[in-house]
Amino acid sequence: MKCHNCGGEGHVSRECAWHTELTEPAADPGGKLKAQFKRCPACQAIIYAWDLGLPCDTHRIVADWQAYYNSGRFVTDSAATREHANRNRDQHPDRRQQAARQVTESRAARELA
């Protein structure tokens, strides 16, 4: 028996620990998926709604993504991404500041002429 929510063996979707996070609170024990989740028609995995229509090997499976998000690896990867973004921010001047400087220089040049 394979769970279509998490991909684990030995239980079904309605018994899965992810079931309460993925479904709307309702009296129905089957539950309806929240708006941001859809079930892939091909592999039956629960994926993000915006990934619907992508091939099965490219869409993100919710349980896998949430496990990564709650892992220490995500924190490390996020810190590296923030560091990279800050490094790039320092390399490229703010475009608005650059535009304001150019306008000021242009107006100063007109006043001198």
C-alpha atoms as a PDB file:
ATOM      1  CA  MET A   1       0.000   0.000   0.000  1.00  0.00           C
ATOM      2  CA  LYS A   2       1.442   3.377  -1.032  1.00  0.00           C
ATOM      3  CA  CYS A   3       0.293   6.801   0.181  1.00  0.00           C
ATOM      4  CA  HIS A   4      -0.380   9.323  -2.594  1.00  0.00           C
ATOM      5  CA  ASN A   5       0.182  12.254  -0.189  1.00  0.00           C
ATOM      6  CA  CYS A   6       3.714  11.574   0.990  1.00  0.00           C
ATOM      7  CA  GLY A   7       4.819   8.642  -1.149  1.00  0.00           C
ATOM      8  CA  GLY A   8       5.363   6.494   1.938  1.00  0.00           C
ATOM      9  CA  GLU A   9       4.543   2.809   2.251  1.00  0.00           C
ATOM     10  CA  GLY A  10       2.230   1.121   4.743  1.00  0.00           C
ATOM     11  CA  HIS A  11      -0.636   3.606   4.939  1.00  0.00           C
ATOM     12  CA  VAL A  12      -3.213   5.287   2.693  1.00  0.00           C
ATOM     13  CA  SER A  13      -3.778   8.977   2.030  1.00  0.00           C
ATOM     14  CA  ARG A  14      -6.535   9.527   4.606  1.00  0.00           C
ATOM     15  CA  GLU A  15      -4.275   8.027   7.350  1.00  0.00           C
ATOM     16  CA  CYS A  16      -1.299  10.194   6.366  1.00  0.00           C
ATOM     17  CA  ALA A  17       0.142  12.771   8.763  1.00  0.00           C
ATOM     18  CA  TRP A  18       0.040  15.291   5.882  1.00  0.00           C
ATOM     19  CA  HIS A  19      -3.721  14.842   5.456  1.00  0.00           C
ATOM     20  CA  THR A  20      -4.698  17.617   7.885  1.00  0.00           C
ATOM     21  CA  GLU A  21      -2.244  20.093   6.345  1.00  0.00           C
ATOM     22  CA  LEU A  22      -3.419  19.402   2.797  1.00  0.00           C
ATOM     23  CA  THR A  23      -7.184  19.344   3.211  1.00  0.00           C
ATOM     24  CA  GLU A  24      -9.829  21.863   4.164  1.00  0.00           C
ATOM     25  CA  PRO A  25     -11.263  21.416   7.653  1.00  0.00           C
ATOM     26  CA  ALA A  26     -14.589  19.707   7.077  1.00  0.00           C
ATOM     27  CA  ALA A  27     -16.840  17.019   8.486  1.00  0.00           C
ATOM     28  CA  ASP A  28     -16.059  14.910   5.418  1.00  0.00           C
ATOM     29  CA  PRO A  29     -13.327  12.426   6.423  1.00  0.00           C
ATOM     30  CA  GLY A  30     -12.052  12.360   2.820  1.00  0.00           C
ATOM     31  CA  GLY A  31     -11.536  16.117   2.907  1.00  0.00           C
ATOM     32  CA  LYS A  32     -11.180  18.443  -0.057  1.00  0.00           C
ATOM     33  CA  LEU A  33      -7.730  19.665  -1.049  1.00  0.00           C
ATOM     34  CA  LYS A  34      -6.930  23.274  -0.216  1.00  0.00           C
ATOM     35  CA  ALA A  35      -6.930  25.656  -3.187  1.00  0.00           C
ATOM     36  CA  GLN A  36      -3.133  25.731  -3.517  1.00  0.00           C
ATOM     37  CA  PHE A  37      -2.919  21.936  -3.957  1.00  0.00           C
ATOM     38  CA  LYS A  38      -4.013  19.668  -6.812  1.00  0.00           C
ATOM     39  CA  ARG A  39      -3.675  15.970  -7.445  1.00  0.00           C
ATOM     40  CA  CYS A  40      -1.568  15.112 -10.507  1.00  0.00           C
ATOM     41  CA  PRO A  41      -3.769  13.129 -12.899  1.00  0.00           C
ATOM     42  CA  ALA A  42      -0.830  10.994 -14.043  1.00  0.00           C
ATOM     43  CA  CYS A  43       1.045  10.040 -10.857  1.00  0.00           C
ATOM     44  CA  GLN A  44      -1.696  10.872  -8.288  1.00  0.00           C
ATOM     45  CA  ALA A  45       0.767  12.802  -6.101  1.00  0.00           C
ATOM     46  CA  ILE A  46      -0.405  15.996  -4.413  1.00  0.00           C
ATOM     47  CA  ILE A  47       1.360  18.907  -6.078  1.00  0.00           C
ATOM     48  CA  TYR A  48       1.099  22.695  -6.040  1.00  0.00           C
ATOM     49  CA  ALA A  49      -1.755  23.973  -8.243  1.00  0.00           C
ATOM     50  CA  TRP A  50       0.588  26.126 -10.329  1.00  0.00           C
ATOM     51  CA  ASP A  51       2.608  23.005 -11.268  1.00  0.00           C
ATOM     52  CA  LEU A  52      -0.419  21.256 -12.770  1.00  0.00           C
ATOM     53  CA  GLY A  53       0.278  20.393 -16.390  1.00  0.00           C
ATOM     54  CA  LEU A  54       4.015  19.968 -15.893  1.00  0.00           C
ATOM     55  CA  PRO A  55       5.535  16.537 -16.522  1.00  0.00           C
ATOM     56  CA  CYS A  56       5.648  14.293 -13.429  1.00  0.00           C
ATOM     57  CA  ASP A  57       9.444  14.458 -13.212  1.00  0.00           C
ATOM     58  CA  THR A  58       9.405  18.272 -12.940  1.00  0.00           C
ATOM     59  CA  HIS A  59       6.465  19.163 -10.672  1.00  0.00           C
ATOM     60  CA  ARG A  60       7.110  19.603  -6.952  1.00  0.00           C
ATOM     61  CA  ILE A  61       5.471  17.099  -4.634  1.00  0.00           C
ATOM     62  CA  VAL A  62       4.118  18.945  -1.607  1.00  0.00           C
ATOM     63  CA  ALA A  63       5.329  16.443   1.004  1.00  0.00           C
ATOM     64  CA  ASP A  64       8.877  16.477  -0.428  1.00  0.00           C
ATOM     65  CA  TRP A  65       8.965  20.274  -0.542  1.00  0.00           C
ATOM     66  CA  GLN A  66       7.642  20.647   3.010  1.00  0.00           C
ATOM     67  CA  ALA A  67      10.177  18.112   4.317  1.00  0.00           C
ATOM     68  CA  TYR A  68      12.966  20.121   2.622  1.00  0.00           C
ATOM     69  CA  TYR A  69      11.523  23.404   3.953  1.00  0.00           C
ATOM     70  CA  ASN A  70      11.619  22.069   7.528  1.00  0.00           C
ATOM     71  CA  SER A  71      15.148  20.696   7.208  1.00  0.00           C
ATOM     72  CA  GLY A  72      18.447  22.272   8.207  1.00  0.00           C
ATOM     73  CA  ARG A  73      19.526  22.127   4.576  1.00  0.00           C
ATOM     74  CA  PHE A  74      16.844  24.700   3.637  1.00  0.00           C
ATOM     75  CA  VAL A  75      18.196  27.119   6.245  1.00  0.00           C
ATOM     76  CA  THR A  76      21.716  26.700   4.872  1.00  0.00           C
ATOM     77  CA  ASP A  77      20.579  27.069   1.261  1.00  0.00           C
ATOM     78  CA  SER A  78      18.526  30.156   2.142  1.00  0.00           C
ATOM     79  CA  ALA A  79      21.458  31.782   3.922  1.00  0.00           C
ATOM     80  CA  ALA A  80      23.665  31.170   0.884  1.00  0.00           C
ATOM     81  CA  THR A  81      20.994  32.636  -1.412  1.00  0.00           C
ATOM     82  CA  ARG A  82      20.614  35.739   0.777  1.00  0.00           C
ATOM     83  CA  GLU A  83      24.378  36.186   0.874  1.00  0.00           C
ATOM     84  CA  HIS A  84      24.563  35.910  -2.924  1.00  0.00           C
ATOM     85  CA  ALA A  85      21.723  38.443  -3.338  1.00  0.00           C
ATOM     86  CA  ASN A  86      23.391  40.904  -0.963  1.00  0.00           C
ATOM     87  CA  ARG A  87      26.695  40.527  -2.789  1.00  0.00           C
ATOM     88  CA  ASN A  88      24.987  41.267  -6.124  1.00  0.00           C
ATOM     89  CA  ARG A  89      23.082  44.186  -4.634  1.00  0.00           C
ATOM     90  CA  ASP A  90      26.379  45.822  -3.678  1.00  0.00           C
ATOM     91  CA  GLN A  91      27.873  45.239  -7.127  1.00  0.00           C
ATOM     92  CA  HIS A  92      25.063  46.953  -9.005  1.00  0.00           C
ATOM     93  CA  PRO A  93      24.070  50.478  -7.983  1.00  0.00           C
ATOM     94  CA  ASP A  94      20.429  51.166  -7.397  1.00  0.00           C
ATOM     95  CA  ARG A  95      18.909  52.062 -10.761  1.00  0.00           C
ATOM     96  CA  ARG A  96      16.755  54.831  -9.285  1.00  0.00           C
ATOM     97  CA  GLN A  97      19.728  56.498  -7.670  1.00  0.00           C
ATOM     98  CA  GLN A  98      21.642  56.234 -10.919  1.00  0.00           C
ATOM     99  CA  ALA A  99      18.713  57.748 -12.875  1.00  0.00           C
ATOM    100  CA  ALA A 100      18.355  60.592 -10.354  1.00  0.00           C
ATOM    101  CA  ARG A 101      22.075  61.347 -10.620  1.00  0.00           C
ATOM    102  CA  GLN A 102      21.854  61.452 -14.436  1.00  0.00           C
ATOM    103  CA  VAL A 103      18.869  63.827 -14.321  1.00  0.00           C
ATOM    104  CA  THR A 104      20.712  66.103 -11.893  1.00  0.00           C
ATOM    105  CA  GLU A 105      23.824  66.136 -14.104  1.00  0.00           C
ATOM    106  CA  SER A 106      21.721  66.831 -17.206  1.00  0.00           C
ATOM    107  CA  ARG A 107      19.900  69.754 -15.555  1.00  0.00           C
ATOM    108  CA  ALA A 108      23.185  71.168 -14.249  1.00  0.00           C
ATOM    109  CA  ALA A 109      24.690  70.984 -17.750  1.00  0.00           C
ATOM    110  CA  ARG A 110      21.676  72.860 -19.237  1.00  0.00           C
ATOM    111  CA  GLU A 111      21.967  75.624 -16.630  1.00  0.00           C
ATOM    112  CA  LEU A 112      25.642  76.159 -17.501  1.00  0.00           C
ATOM    113  CA  ALA A 113      24.965  76.446 -21.230  1.00  0.00           C
END
